[in-house]
Every structure is written in structure tokens, then in C-alpha cells.
Amino acid sequence: STRESVREAWQDLSRTYARGFANLPSGVCALTPPSPAGDGDAWMATVRTALERIAVDELHKVVLARQSCFEWTGSHDMCVLVSALRRADAGCHHFAFQWTPDAAFVGATPERLFRRDGPILRSDCMAGTTRRGENGRSDRTRADALLASAKDRLEHSYVVEAVLHDMVKLCGRLDTVPEPRIVQLATLQHLFCPITGRLRDGITVGDILHQLHPTPAVGGWPRADALALIRNLETCSRGWYAAPVGWVGTEDAEFAVAIRSALVSDTDVIVFAGAGIVAGSVPEHEWQETDDKLQAFVHAVNAQATRP
């Protein structure tokens, strides 16, 4: 039967994935830096253009993405790559879509778009970024600075306001927290706020996706103005970057946002990252933030590839 065929295929995939996860020999894969380096001046010019639009109150926030191409060294395997990402940061949602033996879209995203458990809907608002510290004290100092940052709080507030605006159309009463929290990943920290509600009768997963995606965490606010500016300013296609990725069951569903992701081919890896631009953003700081996000992906691969 079809159900039995799907079960057998899933079991076979699980066995393959388990083998890759268990066996990650030293030097199995690594990423070397791009050459030449990414054009920081050109990307920061787009940030300045966005800030000019924000200054005249045409929009409040826009998320600008960039990409960087890294070369593979050594042998590599998609299964092992996803295993490396999973080992490096268990707090993320891990995904992989492989349509040919030498092409795939993979990632380890910290951002859940929504989780549906029967009638209960939850969306996680995540925006505002800083690095992890070198030790516990500097880690806490960086987290406190992020919580106190007017620019990052503003960036985060647009996400919360937009998600609340969208979820009230899907749910009755909504519950959230009064202040953002800190969520810590392997190399980065973010401002985080969960929102939950009870779905109205008749709401489908398609309705939820249509209403929530894209949030200001990957697009901007107001949505239509931000998306138009993104199309005008970004010179590279996002492809599947920042798209919803997830699964659907009979009563439950979960989707994440495909950030911290990469398009993998047989010879190179194109890694994507973005930064939220609001009033008070500094182009050089935004460039550094996207660099931190790119390096988080590369570090996850290389750190696991070189482990003993």
C-alpha cells in the first residue's frame, strides 16, 4: 500500500541519516572562505538606501539579505552535512531538501514560524542579534546589552506587533510575554517572544501560512512596502532562503523559517544571511551581523568536520 511504501522509505532514510550522524570522521568536509571577499561596500550602500526610505517614513523595517559562496574541500555527503549542523546547534530546526545527488537546500534555523497543536497556535517572534561571549560573564554582558539596545528592541517590536496583528485574525484571545527574552544558540543570541492563541473554527494550515508569512523578521513592515524594496535593492535571488519549511499532520503542523541556510552543490555552498534594517541601524554593524550569521553556518560545518 502507499502508506506501507512511505513507511519503508522513511525507515530507510532514518537508517541512512543515523549512519551519517554516528560516523563523522575528521576532515570529511570543510568550507574554505570565498574568493574574492563579498562586496561589503555595495551591500552597505543598499542599507543606506533603505535607511533613507525609513527616514521619510515610507516604511519602518526592511530585512536585507546577502549571500556568500564557499568552496568544498575534501569529500562530503549531504547526510553528514545535516548531521554536522545538528551536532553544532541542537536548539535549531534542521532541514534538508535534496532533489539530485549533488544539489540540496539545507539549514539550521532558530526561528519557528508557527506550531499548531490541534486548536492551539504558537508563533515565535525572533529579531535582534548579538554574539555569544567568550565566557559566562561576557555572555551575560552581551545579552544585557542586547536587551538594552534601543535599535534591537525597535527591530524586535515590529515583529511582535505584526505577528499579533496577523494572529488576531486567526485566533481569539492571544497570550504573550510583557518583555522579550534572550534565546542562546551556539554562537549567537537573539531577542525572543512567544505568542500563543486558540484557533478559530475552520482555520487551515494554508490559512496560517498565508497570514503569517513573511513576518517582519525576514521581510519587513509594512509588509508590501518592505517586499517591494527588497525586490528593488537585492541583486541576488533569495530562492528558498527565508521560505517556510515544515510538516503537516492531520491535526498538527509545524513550520520554521529557512534562514541560516545554504544552497549546496557538488563543488560549492552558497550561504545566505540577512539583517533587519530600522531607524538607528548602522550599515557597518549590519554587515558584521550578517557576517556573524554566515560564519555561524560555516563554523557548524568546519567544527564538526575537524573534530577527532
C-alpha atoms as a PDB file:
ATOM      1  CA  SER A   1       0.000   0.000   0.000  1.00  0.00           C
ATOM      2  CA  THR A   2       1.007   3.634  -0.326  1.00  0.00           C
ATOM      3  CA  ARG A   3       1.197   4.002   3.461  1.00  0.00           C
ATOM      4  CA  GLU A   4       3.486   1.000   3.723  1.00  0.00           C
ATOM      5  CA  SER A   5       5.720   2.308   0.935  1.00  0.00           C
ATOM      6  CA  VAL A   6       6.043   5.665   2.680  1.00  0.00           C
ATOM      7  CA  ARG A   7       6.866   3.937   5.972  1.00  0.00           C
ATOM      8  CA  GLU A   8       9.581   1.825   4.325  1.00  0.00           C
ATOM      9  CA  ALA A   9      11.073   4.857   2.593  1.00  0.00           C
ATOM     10  CA  TRP A  10      11.111   6.772   5.886  1.00  0.00           C
ATOM     11  CA  GLN A  11      12.760   3.901   7.731  1.00  0.00           C
ATOM     12  CA  ASP A  12      15.427   3.632   5.044  1.00  0.00           C
ATOM     13  CA  LEU A  13      16.088   7.381   5.219  1.00  0.00           C
ATOM     14  CA  SER A  14      16.251   7.231   9.016  1.00  0.00           C
ATOM     15  CA  ARG A  15      18.841   4.435   8.875  1.00  0.00           C
ATOM     16  CA  THR A  16      20.927   6.431   6.390  1.00  0.00           C
ATOM     17  CA  TYR A  17      20.715   9.576   8.476  1.00  0.00           C
ATOM     18  CA  ALA A  18      21.605   7.698  11.641  1.00  0.00           C
ATOM     19  CA  ARG A  19      24.721   6.251   9.999  1.00  0.00           C
ATOM     20  CA  GLY A  20      25.822   9.701   8.884  1.00  0.00           C
ATOM     21  CA  PHE A  21      25.135  11.176  12.313  1.00  0.00           C
ATOM     22  CA  ALA A  22      27.129   8.487  14.074  1.00  0.00           C
ATOM     23  CA  ASN A  23      30.112   8.495  11.739  1.00  0.00           C
ATOM     24  CA  LEU A  24      31.638  11.912  11.188  1.00  0.00           C
ATOM     25  CA  PRO A  25      35.328  11.265  10.534  1.00  0.00           C
ATOM     26  CA  SER A  26      37.890  14.019  10.761  1.00  0.00           C
ATOM     27  CA  GLY A  27      38.231  16.001   7.548  1.00  0.00           C
ATOM     28  CA  VAL A  28      35.102  14.573   5.949  1.00  0.00           C
ATOM     29  CA  CYS A  29      34.180  18.039   4.694  1.00  0.00           C
ATOM     30  CA  ALA A  30      35.118  21.660   5.205  1.00  0.00           C
ATOM     31  CA  LEU A  31      34.304  25.046   3.753  1.00  0.00           C
ATOM     32  CA  THR A  32      37.005  27.448   2.619  1.00  0.00           C
ATOM     33  CA  PRO A  33      36.431  31.220   2.581  1.00  0.00           C
ATOM     34  CA  PRO A  34      35.078  32.866  -0.571  1.00  0.00           C
ATOM     35  CA  SER A  35      37.461  34.444  -3.022  1.00  0.00           C
ATOM     36  CA  PRO A  36      37.216  37.315  -3.669  1.00  0.00           C
ATOM     37  CA  ALA A  37      35.575  38.530  -0.464  1.00  0.00           C
ATOM     38  CA  GLY A  38      31.963  39.639  -0.569  1.00  0.00           C
ATOM     39  CA  ASP A  39      31.325  43.195  -1.733  1.00  0.00           C
ATOM     40  CA  GLY A  40      30.638  44.896   1.575  1.00  0.00           C
ATOM     41  CA  ASP A  41      30.576  48.434   0.142  1.00  0.00           C
ATOM     42  CA  ALA A  42      27.832  47.604  -2.348  1.00  0.00           C
ATOM     43  CA  TRP A  43      25.690  45.826   0.246  1.00  0.00           C
ATOM     44  CA  MET A  44      26.102  48.635   2.780  1.00  0.00           C
ATOM     45  CA  ALA A  45      25.003  51.084   0.069  1.00  0.00           C
ATOM     46  CA  THR A  46      21.684  49.213  -0.113  1.00  0.00           C
ATOM     47  CA  VAL A  47      21.387  49.572   3.666  1.00  0.00           C
ATOM     48  CA  ARG A  48      21.836  53.339   3.340  1.00  0.00           C
ATOM     49  CA  THR A  49      19.146  53.455   0.652  1.00  0.00           C
ATOM     50  CA  ALA A  50      16.798  51.557   2.956  1.00  0.00           C
ATOM     51  CA  LEU A  51      17.584  53.967   5.809  1.00  0.00           C
ATOM     52  CA  GLU A  52      16.723  56.912   3.531  1.00  0.00           C
ATOM     53  CA  ARG A  53      13.321  55.344   2.861  1.00  0.00           C
ATOM     54  CA  ILE A  54      12.797  54.718   6.572  1.00  0.00           C
ATOM     55  CA  ALA A  55      13.795  58.321   7.389  1.00  0.00           C
ATOM     56  CA  VAL A  56      10.952  59.717   5.264  1.00  0.00           C
ATOM     57  CA  ASP A  57       8.548  57.287   6.972  1.00  0.00           C
ATOM     58  CA  GLU A  58       7.802  55.216   3.883  1.00  0.00           C
ATOM     59  CA  LEU A  59       8.402  52.049   5.886  1.00  0.00           C
ATOM     60  CA  HIS A  60       9.554  51.057   9.361  1.00  0.00           C
ATOM     61  CA  LYS A  61      11.707  47.991   8.779  1.00  0.00           C
ATOM     62  CA  VAL A  62      13.183  46.027   5.891  1.00  0.00           C
ATOM     63  CA  VAL A  63      15.283  42.867   6.058  1.00  0.00           C
ATOM     64  CA  LEU A  64      18.125  42.854   3.537  1.00  0.00           C
ATOM     65  CA  ALA A  65      19.807  39.564   2.683  1.00  0.00           C
ATOM     66  CA  ARG A  66      23.176  38.706   1.216  1.00  0.00           C
ATOM     67  CA  GLN A  67      24.903  35.540   0.147  1.00  0.00           C
ATOM     68  CA  SER A  68      28.470  34.268   0.106  1.00  0.00           C
ATOM     69  CA  CYS A  69      29.891  31.359  -1.856  1.00  0.00           C
ATOM     70  CA  PHE A  70      32.263  28.908  -0.165  1.00  0.00           C
ATOM     71  CA  GLU A  71      34.149  26.045  -1.750  1.00  0.00           C
ATOM     72  CA  TRP A  72      34.089  22.466  -0.530  1.00  0.00           C
ATOM     73  CA  THR A  73      37.346  20.814   0.417  1.00  0.00           C
ATOM     74  CA  GLY A  74      37.635  17.108   0.979  1.00  0.00           C
ATOM     75  CA  SER A  75      34.846  14.592   0.442  1.00  0.00           C
ATOM     76  CA  HIS A  76      31.351  15.478   1.571  1.00  0.00           C
ATOM     77  CA  ASP A  77      27.915  13.998   1.937  1.00  0.00           C
ATOM     78  CA  MET A  78      24.564  15.739   2.437  1.00  0.00           C
ATOM     79  CA  CYS A  79      23.621  13.402   5.249  1.00  0.00           C
ATOM     80  CA  VAL A  80      26.861  14.164   7.059  1.00  0.00           C
ATOM     81  CA  LEU A  81      26.409  17.890   6.465  1.00  0.00           C
ATOM     82  CA  VAL A  82      23.000  17.916   8.140  1.00  0.00           C
ATOM     83  CA  SER A  83      24.411  15.794  10.943  1.00  0.00           C
ATOM     84  CA  ALA A  84      27.165  18.356  11.460  1.00  0.00           C
ATOM     85  CA  LEU A  85      24.615  21.174  11.679  1.00  0.00           C
ATOM     86  CA  ARG A  86      22.551  19.182  14.153  1.00  0.00           C
ATOM     87  CA  ARG A  87      25.540  18.386  16.356  1.00  0.00           C
ATOM     88  CA  ALA A  88      26.703  22.003  16.318  1.00  0.00           C
ATOM     89  CA  ASP A  89      23.406  23.520  17.471  1.00  0.00           C
ATOM     90  CA  ALA A  90      20.679  21.237  18.777  1.00  0.00           C
ATOM     91  CA  GLY A  91      18.471  24.240  19.587  1.00  0.00           C
ATOM     92  CA  CYS A  92      17.654  24.869  15.928  1.00  0.00           C
ATOM     93  CA  HIS A  93      15.201  23.388  13.443  1.00  0.00           C
ATOM     94  CA  HIS A  94      17.210  21.353  10.930  1.00  0.00           C
ATOM     95  CA  PHE A  95      16.087  20.684   7.383  1.00  0.00           C
ATOM     96  CA  ALA A  96      17.326  19.418   4.028  1.00  0.00           C
ATOM     97  CA  PHE A  97      15.749  19.191   0.591  1.00  0.00           C
ATOM     98  CA  GLN A  98      17.813  17.195  -1.895  1.00  0.00           C
ATOM     99  CA  TRP A  99      16.497  16.959  -5.447  1.00  0.00           C
ATOM    100  CA  THR A 100      19.600  15.481  -7.141  1.00  0.00           C
ATOM    101  CA  PRO A 101      22.638  13.620  -5.721  1.00  0.00           C
ATOM    102  CA  ASP A 102      24.727  16.805  -5.910  1.00  0.00           C
ATOM    103  CA  ALA A 103      22.233  19.588  -5.112  1.00  0.00           C
ATOM    104  CA  ALA A 104      20.362  20.398  -1.905  1.00  0.00           C
ATOM    105  CA  PHE A 105      18.993  23.198   0.246  1.00  0.00           C
ATOM    106  CA  VAL A 106      19.921  22.759   3.909  1.00  0.00           C
ATOM    107  CA  GLY A 107      19.845  24.778   7.079  1.00  0.00           C
ATOM    108  CA  ALA A 108      19.672  25.075  10.853  1.00  0.00           C
ATOM    109  CA  THR A 109      17.167  27.794  11.635  1.00  0.00           C
ATOM    110  CA  PRO A 110      16.395  29.111  15.122  1.00  0.00           C
ATOM    111  CA  GLU A 111      13.120  30.700  14.030  1.00  0.00           C
ATOM    112  CA  ARG A 112       9.807  28.866  14.276  1.00  0.00           C
ATOM    113  CA  LEU A 113       7.114  30.447  12.109  1.00  0.00           C
ATOM    114  CA  PHE A 114       4.364  28.561  13.918  1.00  0.00           C
ATOM    115  CA  ARG A 115       3.449  25.362  15.697  1.00  0.00           C
ATOM    116  CA  ARG A 116      -0.097  24.036  15.611  1.00  0.00           C
ATOM    117  CA  ASP A 117      -1.199  21.516  18.245  1.00  0.00           C
ATOM    118  CA  GLY A 118      -4.832  20.866  17.441  1.00  0.00           C
ATOM    119  CA  PRO A 119      -6.620  24.173  18.172  1.00  0.00           C
ATOM    120  CA  ILE A 120      -3.562  25.821  19.794  1.00  0.00           C
ATOM    121  CA  LEU A 121      -1.337  28.032  17.652  1.00  0.00           C
ATOM    122  CA  ARG A 122       2.082  29.354  18.690  1.00  0.00           C
ATOM    123  CA  SER A 123       4.384  31.704  16.800  1.00  0.00           C
ATOM    124  CA  ASP A 124       7.859  32.729  17.951  1.00  0.00           C
ATOM    125  CA  CYS A 125       8.995  36.308  17.351  1.00  0.00           C
ATOM    126  CA  MET A 126      12.767  36.499  16.970  1.00  0.00           C
ATOM    127  CA  ALA A 127      14.741  39.599  15.975  1.00  0.00           C
ATOM    128  CA  GLY A 128      17.770  41.384  17.374  1.00  0.00           C
ATOM    129  CA  THR A 129      21.153  39.687  17.402  1.00  0.00           C
ATOM    130  CA  THR A 130      24.458  39.642  19.243  1.00  0.00           C
ATOM    131  CA  ARG A 131      27.327  37.183  19.512  1.00  0.00           C
ATOM    132  CA  ARG A 132      27.854  34.751  22.360  1.00  0.00           C
ATOM    133  CA  GLY A 133      30.538  35.795  24.834  1.00  0.00           C
ATOM    134  CA  GLU A 134      33.890  34.138  25.387  1.00  0.00           C
ATOM    135  CA  ASN A 135      32.864  33.134  28.914  1.00  0.00           C
ATOM    136  CA  GLY A 136      29.829  33.259  31.178  1.00  0.00           C
ATOM    137  CA  ARG A 137      30.394  36.848  32.288  1.00  0.00           C
ATOM    138  CA  SER A 138      30.870  38.296  28.793  1.00  0.00           C
ATOM    139  CA  ASP A 139      27.960  36.168  27.573  1.00  0.00           C
ATOM    140  CA  ARG A 140      25.687  37.820  30.136  1.00  0.00           C
ATOM    141  CA  THR A 141      27.117  41.267  29.366  1.00  0.00           C
ATOM    142  CA  ARG A 142      26.318  40.850  25.676  1.00  0.00           C
ATOM    143  CA  ALA A 143      22.822  39.584  26.478  1.00  0.00           C
ATOM    144  CA  ASP A 144      22.154  42.549  28.786  1.00  0.00           C
ATOM    145  CA  ALA A 145      23.394  44.952  26.110  1.00  0.00           C
ATOM    146  CA  LEU A 146      21.059  43.354  23.575  1.00  0.00           C
ATOM    147  CA  LEU A 147      18.098  43.723  25.936  1.00  0.00           C
ATOM    148  CA  ALA A 148      19.028  47.375  26.485  1.00  0.00           C
ATOM    149  CA  SER A 149      19.611  48.193  22.806  1.00  0.00           C
ATOM    150  CA  ALA A 150      17.002  50.675  21.561  1.00  0.00           C
ATOM    151  CA  LYS A 151      17.691  49.715  17.950  1.00  0.00           C
ATOM    152  CA  ASP A 152      17.309  45.973  18.568  1.00  0.00           C
ATOM    153  CA  ARG A 153      14.214  46.436  20.733  1.00  0.00           C
ATOM    154  CA  LEU A 154      12.646  48.520  17.964  1.00  0.00           C
ATOM    155  CA  GLU A 155      13.503  45.875  15.366  1.00  0.00           C
ATOM    156  CA  HIS A 156      12.004  43.185  17.584  1.00  0.00           C
ATOM    157  CA  SER A 157       8.878  45.218  18.371  1.00  0.00           C
ATOM    158  CA  TYR A 158       7.897  45.408  14.701  1.00  0.00           C
ATOM    159  CA  VAL A 159       7.929  41.618  14.519  1.00  0.00           C
ATOM    160  CA  VAL A 160       5.799  41.284  17.650  1.00  0.00           C
ATOM    161  CA  GLU A 161       3.287  43.918  16.508  1.00  0.00           C
ATOM    162  CA  ALA A 162       2.915  42.337  13.084  1.00  0.00           C
ATOM    163  CA  VAL A 163       2.510  38.790  14.392  1.00  0.00           C
ATOM    164  CA  LEU A 164      -0.073  39.946  16.931  1.00  0.00           C
ATOM    165  CA  HIS A 165      -1.896  41.802  14.138  1.00  0.00           C
ATOM    166  CA  ASP A 166      -1.930  38.656  11.979  1.00  0.00           C
ATOM    167  CA  MET A 167      -2.696  36.123  14.710  1.00  0.00           C
ATOM    168  CA  VAL A 168      -5.742  38.005  15.954  1.00  0.00           C
ATOM    169  CA  LYS A 169      -7.301  37.220  12.576  1.00  0.00           C
ATOM    170  CA  LEU A 170      -6.686  33.513  13.186  1.00  0.00           C
ATOM    171  CA  CYS A 171      -7.308  33.214  16.915  1.00  0.00           C
ATOM    172  CA  GLY A 172      -9.460  34.503  19.698  1.00  0.00           C
ATOM    173  CA  ARG A 173      -7.585  35.514  22.835  1.00  0.00           C
ATOM    174  CA  LEU A 174      -3.802  35.811  22.497  1.00  0.00           C
ATOM    175  CA  ASP A 175      -1.191  35.301  25.207  1.00  0.00           C
ATOM    176  CA  THR A 176       2.319  36.699  25.132  1.00  0.00           C
ATOM    177  CA  VAL A 177       5.044  37.933  27.480  1.00  0.00           C
ATOM    178  CA  PRO A 178       5.452  41.588  28.511  1.00  0.00           C
ATOM    179  CA  GLU A 179       9.171  41.754  27.710  1.00  0.00           C
ATOM    180  CA  PRO A 180      11.406  39.916  25.216  1.00  0.00           C
ATOM    181  CA  ARG A 181      13.664  37.178  26.491  1.00  0.00           C
ATOM    182  CA  ILE A 182      17.099  36.051  25.375  1.00  0.00           C
ATOM    183  CA  VAL A 183      17.455  32.810  23.431  1.00  0.00           C
ATOM    184  CA  GLN A 184      21.012  31.473  23.185  1.00  0.00           C
ATOM    185  CA  LEU A 185      22.357  29.427  20.298  1.00  0.00           C
ATOM    186  CA  ALA A 186      25.826  28.023  19.805  1.00  0.00           C
ATOM    187  CA  THR A 187      27.378  31.267  18.523  1.00  0.00           C
ATOM    188  CA  LEU A 188      24.590  33.878  18.619  1.00  0.00           C
ATOM    189  CA  GLN A 189      21.942  35.311  20.958  1.00  0.00           C
ATOM    190  CA  HIS A 190      18.572  36.771  19.952  1.00  0.00           C
ATOM    191  CA  LEU A 191      15.614  38.635  21.393  1.00  0.00           C
ATOM    192  CA  PHE A 192      12.681  36.247  21.598  1.00  0.00           C
ATOM    193  CA  CYS A 193       8.967  36.434  22.388  1.00  0.00           C
ATOM    194  CA  PRO A 194       6.400  33.590  22.052  1.00  0.00           C
ATOM    195  CA  ILE A 195       2.753  34.304  21.189  1.00  0.00           C
ATOM    196  CA  THR A 196       0.025  31.683  21.597  1.00  0.00           C
ATOM    197  CA  GLY A 197      -3.690  31.607  20.864  1.00  0.00           C
ATOM    198  CA  ARG A 198      -6.649  29.316  20.237  1.00  0.00           C
ATOM    199  CA  LEU A 199      -7.560  28.980  16.573  1.00  0.00           C
ATOM    200  CA  ARG A 200     -10.989  29.968  15.357  1.00  0.00           C
ATOM    201  CA  ASP A 201     -13.089  27.196  13.852  1.00  0.00           C
ATOM    202  CA  GLY A 202     -12.328  26.306  10.256  1.00  0.00           C
ATOM    203  CA  ILE A 203      -8.797  27.754  10.121  1.00  0.00           C
ATOM    204  CA  THR A 204      -6.487  25.606   7.979  1.00  0.00           C
ATOM    205  CA  VAL A 205      -2.696  25.317   7.831  1.00  0.00           C
ATOM    206  CA  GLY A 206      -2.861  27.112   4.485  1.00  0.00           C
ATOM    207  CA  ASP A 207      -4.698  29.985   6.146  1.00  0.00           C
ATOM    208  CA  ILE A 208      -1.999  30.224   8.822  1.00  0.00           C
ATOM    209  CA  LEU A 209       0.851  30.205   6.308  1.00  0.00           C
ATOM    210  CA  HIS A 210      -0.835  32.811   4.146  1.00  0.00           C
ATOM    211  CA  GLN A 211      -1.477  35.081   7.125  1.00  0.00           C
ATOM    212  CA  LEU A 212       1.870  34.840   8.919  1.00  0.00           C
ATOM    213  CA  HIS A 213       4.476  34.552   6.157  1.00  0.00           C
ATOM    214  CA  PRO A 214       6.624  36.528   5.695  1.00  0.00           C
ATOM    215  CA  THR A 215       6.936  38.071   9.134  1.00  0.00           C
ATOM    216  CA  PRO A 216       8.924  41.309   9.598  1.00  0.00           C
ATOM    217  CA  ALA A 217      11.783  39.092  10.833  1.00  0.00           C
ATOM    218  CA  VAL A 218      12.550  38.166   7.204  1.00  0.00           C
ATOM    219  CA  GLY A 219      10.602  40.716   5.155  1.00  0.00           C
ATOM    220  CA  GLY A 220       9.836  43.967   6.925  1.00  0.00           C
ATOM    221  CA  TRP A 221       7.000  46.259   7.919  1.00  0.00           C
ATOM    222  CA  PRO A 222       4.692  47.316   6.400  1.00  0.00           C
ATOM    223  CA  ARG A 223       4.936  44.034   4.534  1.00  0.00           C
ATOM    224  CA  ALA A 224       4.033  45.147   0.999  1.00  0.00           C
ATOM    225  CA  ASP A 225       6.340  48.191   1.062  1.00  0.00           C
ATOM    226  CA  ALA A 226       9.221  46.178   2.501  1.00  0.00           C
ATOM    227  CA  LEU A 227       8.891  43.369  -0.038  1.00  0.00           C
ATOM    228  CA  ALA A 228       8.807  45.872  -2.897  1.00  0.00           C
ATOM    229  CA  LEU A 229      12.013  47.482  -1.628  1.00  0.00           C
ATOM    230  CA  ILE A 230      13.680  44.088  -1.237  1.00  0.00           C
ATOM    231  CA  ARG A 231      12.910  43.259  -4.867  1.00  0.00           C
ATOM    232  CA  ASN A 232      14.325  46.608  -5.905  1.00  0.00           C
ATOM    233  CA  LEU A 233      17.520  46.569  -3.829  1.00  0.00           C
ATOM    234  CA  GLU A 234      18.676  42.959  -3.637  1.00  0.00           C
ATOM    235  CA  THR A 235      20.741  41.932  -6.641  1.00  0.00           C
ATOM    236  CA  CYS A 236      20.789  38.196  -5.873  1.00  0.00           C
ATOM    237  CA  SER A 237      17.800  35.886  -5.879  1.00  0.00           C
ATOM    238  CA  ARG A 238      16.795  34.593  -2.442  1.00  0.00           C
ATOM    239  CA  GLY A 239      15.485  31.364  -3.912  1.00  0.00           C
ATOM    240  CA  TRP A 240      14.236  29.283  -0.997  1.00  0.00           C
ATOM    241  CA  TYR A 241      16.002  31.443   1.590  1.00  0.00           C
ATOM    242  CA  ALA A 242      13.528  32.589   4.312  1.00  0.00           C
ATOM    243  CA  ALA A 243      10.749  30.370   2.915  1.00  0.00           C
ATOM    244  CA  PRO A 244       8.518  28.340   5.271  1.00  0.00           C
ATOM    245  CA  VAL A 245       9.765  24.776   5.769  1.00  0.00           C
ATOM    246  CA  GLY A 246       7.930  22.202   7.836  1.00  0.00           C
ATOM    247  CA  TRP A 247       5.438  19.366   8.055  1.00  0.00           C
ATOM    248  CA  VAL A 248       1.674  18.935   8.186  1.00  0.00           C
ATOM    249  CA  GLY A 249      -0.287  16.235  10.043  1.00  0.00           C
ATOM    250  CA  THR A 250      -3.999  15.591  10.426  1.00  0.00           C
ATOM    251  CA  GLU A 251      -4.354  17.834  13.494  1.00  0.00           C
ATOM    252  CA  ASP A 252      -0.881  19.271  13.996  1.00  0.00           C
ATOM    253  CA  ALA A 253       1.710  21.145  11.945  1.00  0.00           C
ATOM    254  CA  GLU A 254       4.988  22.962  12.417  1.00  0.00           C
ATOM    255  CA  PHE A 255       6.836  25.353  10.132  1.00  0.00           C
ATOM    256  CA  ALA A 256      10.123  27.156  10.581  1.00  0.00           C
ATOM    257  CA  VAL A 257      11.657  29.953   8.531  1.00  0.00           C
ATOM    258  CA  ALA A 258      14.521  28.827   6.285  1.00  0.00           C
ATOM    259  CA  ILE A 259      17.176  31.252   7.490  1.00  0.00           C
ATOM    260  CA  ARG A 260      20.760  30.210   8.431  1.00  0.00           C
ATOM    261  CA  SER A 261      20.528  28.172   5.246  1.00  0.00           C
ATOM    262  CA  ALA A 262      22.611  27.256   2.217  1.00  0.00           C
ATOM    263  CA  LEU A 263      22.252  26.049  -1.345  1.00  0.00           C
ATOM    264  CA  VAL A 264      24.642  23.121  -1.709  1.00  0.00           C
ATOM    265  CA  SER A 265      26.081  21.821  -4.968  1.00  0.00           C
ATOM    266  CA  ASP A 266      28.784  19.277  -5.697  1.00  0.00           C
ATOM    267  CA  THR A 267      31.519  21.931  -5.691  1.00  0.00           C
ATOM    268  CA  ASP A 268      30.392  24.873  -3.584  1.00  0.00           C
ATOM    269  CA  VAL A 269      27.983  26.111  -0.927  1.00  0.00           C
ATOM    270  CA  ILE A 270      26.087  29.402  -1.184  1.00  0.00           C
ATOM    271  CA  VAL A 271      25.271  30.554   2.350  1.00  0.00           C
ATOM    272  CA  PHE A 272      22.522  33.125   2.996  1.00  0.00           C
ATOM    273  CA  ALA A 273      22.078  35.637   5.811  1.00  0.00           C
ATOM    274  CA  GLY A 274      20.022  38.751   6.441  1.00  0.00           C
ATOM    275  CA  ALA A 275      19.735  41.694   8.824  1.00  0.00           C
ATOM    276  CA  GLY A 276      16.790  43.818   9.886  1.00  0.00           C
ATOM    277  CA  ILE A 277      17.209  47.487   8.998  1.00  0.00           C
ATOM    278  CA  VAL A 278      15.361  50.056  11.136  1.00  0.00           C
ATOM    279  CA  ALA A 279      15.917  53.652  12.189  1.00  0.00           C
ATOM    280  CA  GLY A 280      19.234  53.696  14.029  1.00  0.00           C
ATOM    281  CA  SER A 281      20.822  50.864  12.040  1.00  0.00           C
ATOM    282  CA  VAL A 282      24.492  51.363  11.198  1.00  0.00           C
ATOM    283  CA  PRO A 283      25.486  49.827   7.812  1.00  0.00           C
ATOM    284  CA  GLU A 284      28.852  48.583   9.079  1.00  0.00           C
ATOM    285  CA  HIS A 285      27.197  46.920  12.072  1.00  0.00           C
ATOM    286  CA  GLU A 286      24.603  45.269   9.857  1.00  0.00           C
ATOM    287  CA  TRP A 287      27.350  43.925   7.606  1.00  0.00           C
ATOM    288  CA  GLN A 288      29.079  42.482  10.657  1.00  0.00           C
ATOM    289  CA  GLU A 289      25.830  40.904  11.844  1.00  0.00           C
ATOM    290  CA  THR A 290      25.328  39.132   8.516  1.00  0.00           C
ATOM    291  CA  ASP A 291      28.961  38.030   8.645  1.00  0.00           C
ATOM    292  CA  ASP A 292      28.363  36.564  12.107  1.00  0.00           C
ATOM    293  CA  LYS A 293      25.369  34.641  10.777  1.00  0.00           C
ATOM    294  CA  LEU A 294      27.277  33.365   7.740  1.00  0.00           C
ATOM    295  CA  GLN A 295      30.166  32.293   9.937  1.00  0.00           C
ATOM    296  CA  ALA A 296      27.818  30.519  12.339  1.00  0.00           C
ATOM    297  CA  PHE A 297      26.826  28.191   9.493  1.00  0.00           C
ATOM    298  CA  VAL A 298      30.409  27.706   8.328  1.00  0.00           C
ATOM    299  CA  HIS A 299      31.635  27.149  11.886  1.00  0.00           C
ATOM    300  CA  ALA A 300      28.989  24.475  12.405  1.00  0.00           C
ATOM    301  CA  VAL A 301      30.289  22.545   9.410  1.00  0.00           C
ATOM    302  CA  ASN A 302      34.005  23.059   9.951  1.00  0.00           C
ATOM    303  CA  ALA A 303      33.983  22.487  13.702  1.00  0.00           C
ATOM    304  CA  GLN A 304      32.317  19.121  13.244  1.00  0.00           C
ATOM    305  CA  ALA A 305      34.399  18.219  10.199  1.00  0.00           C
ATOM    306  CA  THR A 306      37.651  18.655  12.127  1.00  0.00           C
ATOM    307  CA  ARG A 307      36.602  17.002  15.382  1.00  0.00           C
ATOM    308  CA  PRO A 308      38.733  13.985  16.388  1.00  0.00           C
END
